[in-house]
């Protein structure tokens, strides 16, 4: 049913406590041959924006943010048009909620919740396919056992919640903390982070240690630590928000 459906709340499982809005539009592009990612706190406060070609002369322009997403997108599209990146023609905006934390409970009698509806989403990128598929595999195995035993009780299905949290919760927390740290940065600090990482060879060093794009929480936290060590105390106070 996805994150925006009221179904999960209606069955008494509540909703993820922290979410953002993803918003984008298909636009006519003038000079967009590869994906462009924009790290700018004015364009997408706390997150990022993207301009991604989808076909000849067309691209998807979008961003994620918690505040005034439509206004931010419209202002950014006007800026892209002024720089002749896109044609500012009529466009249709699509948006949806993206959970940044999982549900506190993802099961009850005769029911389990998987994917975006359960909040099994990367807090760094907003992507839900990889974690959703991993959780779906666990769900299938647990349901197979439940069907074989003809037991759909809360206790039987609780195995699903235990298993997916064992697999994913530590990574979700790492990525959430990396996201919270990024939200503190000014544009000047973001630029400095990239310059420092490239100058000191941090990017190459980190990428030689980590080979999984889908589990990158430790990579991001280590990169932040190396490039922003002087602000560690301030980060520590802010990053204690996982409850």
C-alpha atoms as a PDB file:
ATOM      1  CA  UNK A   1       0.000   0.000   0.000  1.00  0.00           C
ATOM      2  CA  UNK A   2       3.002   2.297   0.309  1.00  0.00           C
ATOM      3  CA  UNK A   3       3.782   4.910   2.932  1.00  0.00           C
ATOM      4  CA  UNK A   4       0.914   7.264   2.058  1.00  0.00           C
ATOM      5  CA  UNK A   5      -1.850   4.684   2.516  1.00  0.00           C
ATOM      6  CA  UNK A   6      -3.907   4.996   5.738  1.00  0.00           C
ATOM      7  CA  UNK A   7      -4.196   1.190   5.967  1.00  0.00           C
ATOM      8  CA  UNK A   8      -1.323   0.639   8.419  1.00  0.00           C
ATOM      9  CA  UNK A   9      -2.673   3.300  10.756  1.00  0.00           C
ATOM     10  CA  UNK A  10      -6.208   1.908  10.476  1.00  0.00           C
ATOM     11  CA  UNK A  11      -5.077  -1.528  11.669  1.00  0.00           C
ATOM     12  CA  UNK A  12      -3.480   0.024  14.745  1.00  0.00           C
ATOM     13  CA  UNK A  13       0.239   0.037  13.896  1.00  0.00           C
ATOM     14  CA  UNK A  14       0.615   3.824  13.659  1.00  0.00           C
ATOM     15  CA  UNK A  15       3.020   5.492  11.223  1.00  0.00           C
ATOM     16  CA  UNK A  16       6.781   6.086  11.041  1.00  0.00           C
ATOM     17  CA  UNK A  17       7.542   9.044  13.279  1.00  0.00           C
ATOM     18  CA  UNK A  18       9.774  10.934  10.843  1.00  0.00           C
ATOM     19  CA  UNK A  19       9.285  11.400   7.128  1.00  0.00           C
ATOM     20  CA  UNK A  20      10.155  13.710   4.249  1.00  0.00           C
ATOM     21  CA  UNK A  21       8.561  14.578   0.916  1.00  0.00           C
ATOM     22  CA  UNK A  22       9.978  13.458  -2.405  1.00  0.00           C
ATOM     23  CA  UNK A  23       8.808  15.628  -5.301  1.00  0.00           C
ATOM     24  CA  UNK A  24       9.694  15.735  -8.995  1.00  0.00           C
ATOM     25  CA  UNK A  25       8.518  16.729 -12.466  1.00  0.00           C
ATOM     26  CA  UNK A  26       9.335  15.589 -15.992  1.00  0.00           C
ATOM     27  CA  UNK A  27      10.828  18.549 -17.862  1.00  0.00           C
ATOM     28  CA  UNK A  28      12.243  19.363 -21.290  1.00  0.00           C
ATOM     29  CA  UNK A  29      16.028  19.371 -20.966  1.00  0.00           C
ATOM     30  CA  UNK A  30      18.480  21.339 -23.101  1.00  0.00           C
ATOM     31  CA  UNK A  31      21.862  19.992 -22.054  1.00  0.00           C
ATOM     32  CA  UNK A  32      21.474  17.027 -19.727  1.00  0.00           C
ATOM     33  CA  UNK A  33      23.432  13.939 -20.765  1.00  0.00           C
ATOM     34  CA  UNK A  34      24.109  12.434 -17.349  1.00  0.00           C
ATOM     35  CA  UNK A  35      22.629  12.434 -13.866  1.00  0.00           C
ATOM     36  CA  UNK A  36      23.345  15.608 -11.921  1.00  0.00           C
ATOM     37  CA  UNK A  37      23.041  15.693  -8.115  1.00  0.00           C
ATOM     38  CA  UNK A  38      22.797  18.996  -6.250  1.00  0.00           C
ATOM     39  CA  UNK A  39      23.844  19.284  -2.608  1.00  0.00           C
ATOM     40  CA  UNK A  40      22.468  22.692  -1.714  1.00  0.00           C
ATOM     41  CA  UNK A  41      20.641  23.578   1.504  1.00  0.00           C
ATOM     42  CA  UNK A  42      18.735  26.342  -0.283  1.00  0.00           C
ATOM     43  CA  UNK A  43      17.443  24.055  -3.035  1.00  0.00           C
ATOM     44  CA  UNK A  44      16.663  20.995  -0.886  1.00  0.00           C
ATOM     45  CA  UNK A  45      17.173  21.755   2.824  1.00  0.00           C
ATOM     46  CA  UNK A  46      18.685  18.745   4.588  1.00  0.00           C
ATOM     47  CA  UNK A  47      18.695  16.578   1.480  1.00  0.00           C
ATOM     48  CA  UNK A  48      19.572  16.828  -2.232  1.00  0.00           C
ATOM     49  CA  UNK A  49      18.114  17.453  -5.671  1.00  0.00           C
ATOM     50  CA  UNK A  50      18.574  15.593  -8.958  1.00  0.00           C
ATOM     51  CA  UNK A  51      18.320  16.202 -12.686  1.00  0.00           C
ATOM     52  CA  UNK A  52      18.269  12.851 -14.478  1.00  0.00           C
ATOM     53  CA  UNK A  53      17.844  12.286 -18.247  1.00  0.00           C
ATOM     54  CA  UNK A  54      15.152   9.742 -19.114  1.00  0.00           C
ATOM     55  CA  UNK A  55      15.013  10.133 -22.906  1.00  0.00           C
ATOM     56  CA  UNK A  56      16.199  12.463 -25.647  1.00  0.00           C
ATOM     57  CA  UNK A  57      15.263  15.982 -24.589  1.00  0.00           C
ATOM     58  CA  UNK A  58      13.516  14.964 -21.365  1.00  0.00           C
ATOM     59  CA  UNK A  59      14.659  14.657 -17.776  1.00  0.00           C
ATOM     60  CA  UNK A  60      13.308  14.177 -14.264  1.00  0.00           C
ATOM     61  CA  UNK A  61      13.991  17.083 -11.938  1.00  0.00           C
ATOM     62  CA  UNK A  62      13.256  16.441  -8.286  1.00  0.00           C
ATOM     63  CA  UNK A  63      14.285  16.879  -4.688  1.00  0.00           C
ATOM     64  CA  UNK A  64      13.608  15.713  -1.146  1.00  0.00           C
ATOM     65  CA  UNK A  65      12.886  17.975   1.806  1.00  0.00           C
ATOM     66  CA  UNK A  66      10.697  18.297   4.883  1.00  0.00           C
ATOM     67  CA  UNK A  67       9.594  21.885   4.344  1.00  0.00           C
ATOM     68  CA  UNK A  68       7.651  23.495   1.468  1.00  0.00           C
ATOM     69  CA  UNK A  69       8.658  20.952  -1.206  1.00  0.00           C
ATOM     70  CA  UNK A  70       6.537  22.440  -4.008  1.00  0.00           C
ATOM     71  CA  UNK A  71       7.913  25.936  -3.473  1.00  0.00           C
ATOM     72  CA  UNK A  72      11.500  24.645  -3.408  1.00  0.00           C
ATOM     73  CA  UNK A  73      10.984  22.662  -6.615  1.00  0.00           C
ATOM     74  CA  UNK A  74       9.383  25.554  -8.473  1.00  0.00           C
ATOM     75  CA  UNK A  75      12.169  27.947  -7.477  1.00  0.00           C
ATOM     76  CA  UNK A  76      14.823  25.427  -8.521  1.00  0.00           C
ATOM     77  CA  UNK A  77      13.181  24.748 -11.892  1.00  0.00           C
ATOM     78  CA  UNK A  78      13.074  28.484 -12.551  1.00  0.00           C
ATOM     79  CA  UNK A  79      16.804  28.657 -11.736  1.00  0.00           C
ATOM     80  CA  UNK A  80      17.593  25.722 -14.054  1.00  0.00           C
ATOM     81  CA  UNK A  81      15.653  27.468 -16.832  1.00  0.00           C
ATOM     82  CA  UNK A  82      17.558  30.727 -16.260  1.00  0.00           C
ATOM     83  CA  UNK A  83      20.814  28.769 -16.720  1.00  0.00           C
ATOM     84  CA  UNK A  84      19.410  27.125 -19.875  1.00  0.00           C
ATOM     85  CA  UNK A  85      19.499  23.620 -18.406  1.00  0.00           C
ATOM     86  CA  UNK A  86      15.775  23.078 -19.045  1.00  0.00           C
ATOM     87  CA  UNK A  87      12.863  24.711 -20.861  1.00  0.00           C
ATOM     88  CA  UNK A  88      10.378  26.117 -18.390  1.00  0.00           C
ATOM     89  CA  UNK A  89       7.235  24.724 -20.015  1.00  0.00           C
ATOM     90  CA  UNK A  90       4.097  23.275 -18.471  1.00  0.00           C
ATOM     91  CA  UNK A  91       4.926  20.336 -16.220  1.00  0.00           C
ATOM     92  CA  UNK A  92       3.122  17.981 -13.872  1.00  0.00           C
ATOM     93  CA  UNK A  93       4.397  17.664 -10.316  1.00  0.00           C
ATOM     94  CA  UNK A  94       4.260  14.350  -8.475  1.00  0.00           C
ATOM     95  CA  UNK A  95       5.082  13.947  -4.806  1.00  0.00           C
ATOM     96  CA  UNK A  96       4.883  11.371  -2.033  1.00  0.00           C
ATOM     97  CA  UNK A  97       5.930  10.839   1.558  1.00  0.00           C
ATOM     98  CA  UNK A  98       9.153   8.935   2.290  1.00  0.00           C
ATOM     99  CA  UNK A  99       9.649   7.440   5.780  1.00  0.00           C
ATOM    100  CA  UNK A 100      13.025   7.955   7.448  1.00  0.00           C
ATOM    101  CA  UNK A 101      12.370   5.601  10.379  1.00  0.00           C
ATOM    102  CA  UNK A 102      10.682   2.184  10.560  1.00  0.00           C
ATOM    103  CA  UNK A 103       7.412   1.442  12.311  1.00  0.00           C
ATOM    104  CA  UNK A 104       7.886   0.486  15.964  1.00  0.00           C
ATOM    105  CA  UNK A 105       5.849  -2.686  15.274  1.00  0.00           C
ATOM    106  CA  UNK A 106       5.504  -4.375  11.874  1.00  0.00           C
ATOM    107  CA  UNK A 107       3.308  -7.348  12.741  1.00  0.00           C
ATOM    108  CA  UNK A 108       0.175  -8.448  14.551  1.00  0.00           C
ATOM    109  CA  UNK A 109      -2.161 -11.424  14.278  1.00  0.00           C
ATOM    110  CA  UNK A 110      -2.685 -12.330  10.597  1.00  0.00           C
ATOM    111  CA  UNK A 111      -0.713  -9.288   9.428  1.00  0.00           C
ATOM    112  CA  UNK A 112       2.837  -8.249   8.544  1.00  0.00           C
ATOM    113  CA  UNK A 113       4.021  -4.970   6.991  1.00  0.00           C
ATOM    114  CA  UNK A 114       6.829  -4.802   4.405  1.00  0.00           C
ATOM    115  CA  UNK A 115       8.630  -2.063   2.454  1.00  0.00           C
ATOM    116  CA  UNK A 116       7.791   1.644   2.462  1.00  0.00           C
ATOM    117  CA  UNK A 117       4.690   0.990   4.564  1.00  0.00           C
ATOM    118  CA  UNK A 118       6.974  -0.445   7.272  1.00  0.00           C
ATOM    119  CA  UNK A 119       9.543   2.355   6.930  1.00  0.00           C
ATOM    120  CA  UNK A 120      12.223   0.030   5.522  1.00  0.00           C
ATOM    121  CA  UNK A 121      13.793   2.867   3.540  1.00  0.00           C
ATOM    122  CA  UNK A 122      17.330   4.289   3.293  1.00  0.00           C
ATOM    123  CA  UNK A 123      17.421   7.535   5.313  1.00  0.00           C
ATOM    124  CA  UNK A 124      20.320   8.736   3.161  1.00  0.00           C
ATOM    125  CA  UNK A 125      18.817   8.402  -0.328  1.00  0.00           C
ATOM    126  CA  UNK A 126      15.132   7.645   0.244  1.00  0.00           C
ATOM    127  CA  UNK A 127      15.481   4.392  -1.721  1.00  0.00           C
ATOM    128  CA  UNK A 128      13.330   1.496  -0.602  1.00  0.00           C
ATOM    129  CA  UNK A 129      13.803  -1.268  -3.173  1.00  0.00           C
ATOM    130  CA  UNK A 130      16.833  -3.055  -1.691  1.00  0.00           C
ATOM    131  CA  UNK A 131      15.723  -3.087   1.944  1.00  0.00           C
ATOM    132  CA  UNK A 132      12.154  -3.846   0.866  1.00  0.00           C
ATOM    133  CA  UNK A 133      13.291  -6.889  -1.120  1.00  0.00           C
ATOM    134  CA  UNK A 134      15.394  -8.158   1.778  1.00  0.00           C
ATOM    135  CA  UNK A 135      12.442  -7.820   4.118  1.00  0.00           C
ATOM    136  CA  UNK A 136      10.128  -9.430   1.570  1.00  0.00           C
ATOM    137  CA  UNK A 137      12.386 -12.497   1.509  1.00  0.00           C
ATOM    138  CA  UNK A 138      12.115 -12.783   5.283  1.00  0.00           C
ATOM    139  CA  UNK A 139       8.349 -12.252   5.090  1.00  0.00           C
ATOM    140  CA  UNK A 140       7.975 -15.028   2.503  1.00  0.00           C
ATOM    141  CA  UNK A 141       9.894 -17.511   4.664  1.00  0.00           C
ATOM    142  CA  UNK A 142       7.917 -16.647   7.803  1.00  0.00           C
ATOM    143  CA  UNK A 143       4.605 -16.866   5.947  1.00  0.00           C
ATOM    144  CA  UNK A 144       5.622 -20.202   4.447  1.00  0.00           C
ATOM    145  CA  UNK A 145       6.129 -21.573   7.949  1.00  0.00           C
ATOM    146  CA  UNK A 146       2.854 -20.032   9.128  1.00  0.00           C
ATOM    147  CA  UNK A 147       0.895 -21.583   6.258  1.00  0.00           C
ATOM    148  CA  UNK A 148       2.502 -24.976   6.800  1.00  0.00           C
ATOM    149  CA  UNK A 149       1.595 -24.840  10.483  1.00  0.00           C
ATOM    150  CA  UNK A 150      -1.772 -23.152   9.869  1.00  0.00           C
ATOM    151  CA  UNK A 151      -0.750 -20.710  12.598  1.00  0.00           C
ATOM    152  CA  UNK A 152      -1.192 -16.995  11.883  1.00  0.00           C
ATOM    153  CA  UNK A 153      -1.024 -15.856  15.488  1.00  0.00           C
ATOM    154  CA  UNK A 154       0.831 -12.750  16.631  1.00  0.00           C
ATOM    155  CA  UNK A 155       3.550 -14.891  18.222  1.00  0.00           C
ATOM    156  CA  UNK A 156       4.133 -16.883  15.021  1.00  0.00           C
ATOM    157  CA  UNK A 157       4.378 -13.799  12.795  1.00  0.00           C
ATOM    158  CA  UNK A 158       6.549 -11.912  15.260  1.00  0.00           C
ATOM    159  CA  UNK A 159       9.490 -13.871  13.838  1.00  0.00           C
ATOM    160  CA  UNK A 160       9.320 -11.595  10.795  1.00  0.00           C
ATOM    161  CA  UNK A 161       9.787  -8.445  12.869  1.00  0.00           C
ATOM    162  CA  UNK A 162      12.677  -9.942  14.833  1.00  0.00           C
ATOM    163  CA  UNK A 163      14.489 -11.201  11.757  1.00  0.00           C
ATOM    164  CA  UNK A 164      14.292  -8.084   9.591  1.00  0.00           C
ATOM    165  CA  UNK A 165      15.402  -5.875  12.493  1.00  0.00           C
ATOM    166  CA  UNK A 166      18.372  -8.160  13.153  1.00  0.00           C
ATOM    167  CA  UNK A 167      19.340  -7.811   9.498  1.00  0.00           C
ATOM    168  CA  UNK A 168      18.646  -4.117   8.860  1.00  0.00           C
ATOM    169  CA  UNK A 169      18.148  -2.044  11.997  1.00  0.00           C
ATOM    170  CA  UNK A 170      21.836  -1.268  12.662  1.00  0.00           C
ATOM    171  CA  UNK A 171      22.280  -0.047   9.079  1.00  0.00           C
ATOM    172  CA  UNK A 172      19.092   2.027   9.235  1.00  0.00           C
ATOM    173  CA  UNK A 173      20.363   3.712  12.397  1.00  0.00           C
ATOM    174  CA  UNK A 174      23.782   4.465  10.891  1.00  0.00           C
ATOM    175  CA  UNK A 175      22.208   6.019   7.817  1.00  0.00           C
ATOM    176  CA  UNK A 176      19.738   7.978   9.929  1.00  0.00           C
ATOM    177  CA  UNK A 177      22.565   9.449  12.001  1.00  0.00           C
ATOM    178  CA  UNK A 178      24.518  10.305   8.823  1.00  0.00           C
ATOM    179  CA  UNK A 179      21.407  12.067   7.517  1.00  0.00           C
ATOM    180  CA  UNK A 180      21.002  14.034  10.739  1.00  0.00           C
ATOM    181  CA  UNK A 181      24.649  15.087  10.593  1.00  0.00           C
ATOM    182  CA  UNK A 182      24.298  16.278   6.992  1.00  0.00           C
ATOM    183  CA  UNK A 183      21.299  18.428   7.934  1.00  0.00           C
ATOM    184  CA  UNK A 184      23.564  20.484  10.213  1.00  0.00           C
ATOM    185  CA  UNK A 185      25.900  21.548   7.424  1.00  0.00           C
ATOM    186  CA  UNK A 186      25.901  24.867   5.618  1.00  0.00           C
ATOM    187  CA  UNK A 187      26.579  25.023   1.875  1.00  0.00           C
ATOM    188  CA  UNK A 188      30.103  26.226   2.645  1.00  0.00           C
ATOM    189  CA  UNK A 189      30.694  23.221   4.903  1.00  0.00           C
ATOM    190  CA  UNK A 190      29.292  20.842   2.291  1.00  0.00           C
ATOM    191  CA  UNK A 191      31.668  22.255  -0.327  1.00  0.00           C
ATOM    192  CA  UNK A 192      34.522  22.000   2.158  1.00  0.00           C
ATOM    193  CA  UNK A 193      33.649  18.384   2.913  1.00  0.00           C
ATOM    194  CA  UNK A 194      33.860  17.392  -0.754  1.00  0.00           C
ATOM    195  CA  UNK A 195      37.066  19.356  -1.341  1.00  0.00           C
ATOM    196  CA  UNK A 196      38.742  17.900   1.739  1.00  0.00           C
ATOM    197  CA  UNK A 197      37.648  14.363   0.896  1.00  0.00           C
ATOM    198  CA  UNK A 198      39.038  14.643  -2.637  1.00  0.00           C
ATOM    199  CA  UNK A 199      42.239  16.460  -1.670  1.00  0.00           C
ATOM    200  CA  UNK A 200      43.169  14.015   1.080  1.00  0.00           C
ATOM    201  CA  UNK A 201      42.217  10.936  -0.913  1.00  0.00           C
ATOM    202  CA  UNK A 202      39.469  10.060   1.575  1.00  0.00           C
ATOM    203  CA  UNK A 203      37.015   9.052  -1.148  1.00  0.00           C
ATOM    204  CA  UNK A 204      39.419   6.539  -2.733  1.00  0.00           C
ATOM    205  CA  UNK A 205      40.446   5.222   0.685  1.00  0.00           C
ATOM    206  CA  UNK A 206      36.883   4.684   1.841  1.00  0.00           C
ATOM    207  CA  UNK A 207      35.728   3.131  -1.410  1.00  0.00           C
ATOM    208  CA  UNK A 208      38.556   0.596  -1.217  1.00  0.00           C
ATOM    209  CA  UNK A 209      37.203  -0.524   2.180  1.00  0.00           C
ATOM    210  CA  UNK A 210      33.500  -0.637   1.330  1.00  0.00           C
ATOM    211  CA  UNK A 211      32.114  -2.309  -1.752  1.00  0.00           C
ATOM    212  CA  UNK A 212      28.347  -2.300  -1.028  1.00  0.00           C
ATOM    213  CA  UNK A 213      26.378   0.694  -2.197  1.00  0.00           C
ATOM    214  CA  UNK A 214      23.306  -0.648  -0.431  1.00  0.00           C
ATOM    215  CA  UNK A 215      24.937  -0.697   3.017  1.00  0.00           C
ATOM    216  CA  UNK A 216      26.802   2.578   3.142  1.00  0.00           C
ATOM    217  CA  UNK A 217      25.987   3.921   6.607  1.00  0.00           C
ATOM    218  CA  UNK A 218      29.439   3.165   8.011  1.00  0.00           C
ATOM    219  CA  UNK A 219      31.088   4.660   4.912  1.00  0.00           C
ATOM    220  CA  UNK A 220      29.224   7.945   5.275  1.00  0.00           C
ATOM    221  CA  UNK A 221      29.774   8.222   9.009  1.00  0.00           C
ATOM    222  CA  UNK A 222      33.495   7.560   8.644  1.00  0.00           C
ATOM    223  CA  UNK A 223      33.758  10.146   5.890  1.00  0.00           C
ATOM    224  CA  UNK A 224      31.975  12.725   8.024  1.00  0.00           C
ATOM    225  CA  UNK A 225      34.205  11.918  10.970  1.00  0.00           C
ATOM    226  CA  UNK A 226      37.384  12.325   8.945  1.00  0.00           C
ATOM    227  CA  UNK A 227      36.359  15.610   7.340  1.00  0.00           C
ATOM    228  CA  UNK A 228      34.465  17.226  10.203  1.00  0.00           C
ATOM    229  CA  UNK A 229      36.324  16.038  13.292  1.00  0.00           C
ATOM    230  CA  UNK A 230      36.413  19.529  14.760  1.00  0.00           C
ATOM    231  CA  UNK A 231      32.621  19.527  15.100  1.00  0.00           C
ATOM    232  CA  UNK A 232      32.350  16.119  16.754  1.00  0.00           C
ATOM    233  CA  UNK A 233      30.956  17.412  20.054  1.00  0.00           C
ATOM    234  CA  UNK A 234      28.226  19.395  18.356  1.00  0.00           C
ATOM    235  CA  UNK A 235      27.301  16.389  16.193  1.00  0.00           C
ATOM    236  CA  UNK A 236      27.238  14.092  19.221  1.00  0.00           C
ATOM    237  CA  UNK A 237      24.593  16.178  20.948  1.00  0.00           C
ATOM    238  CA  UNK A 238      22.468  16.350  17.806  1.00  0.00           C
ATOM    239  CA  UNK A 239      22.767  12.725  16.734  1.00  0.00           C
ATOM    240  CA  UNK A 240      21.178  11.366  19.897  1.00  0.00           C
ATOM    241  CA  UNK A 241      17.713  11.688  18.391  1.00  0.00           C
ATOM    242  CA  UNK A 242      17.010   8.002  17.620  1.00  0.00           C
ATOM    243  CA  UNK A 243      14.311   6.920  20.044  1.00  0.00           C
END
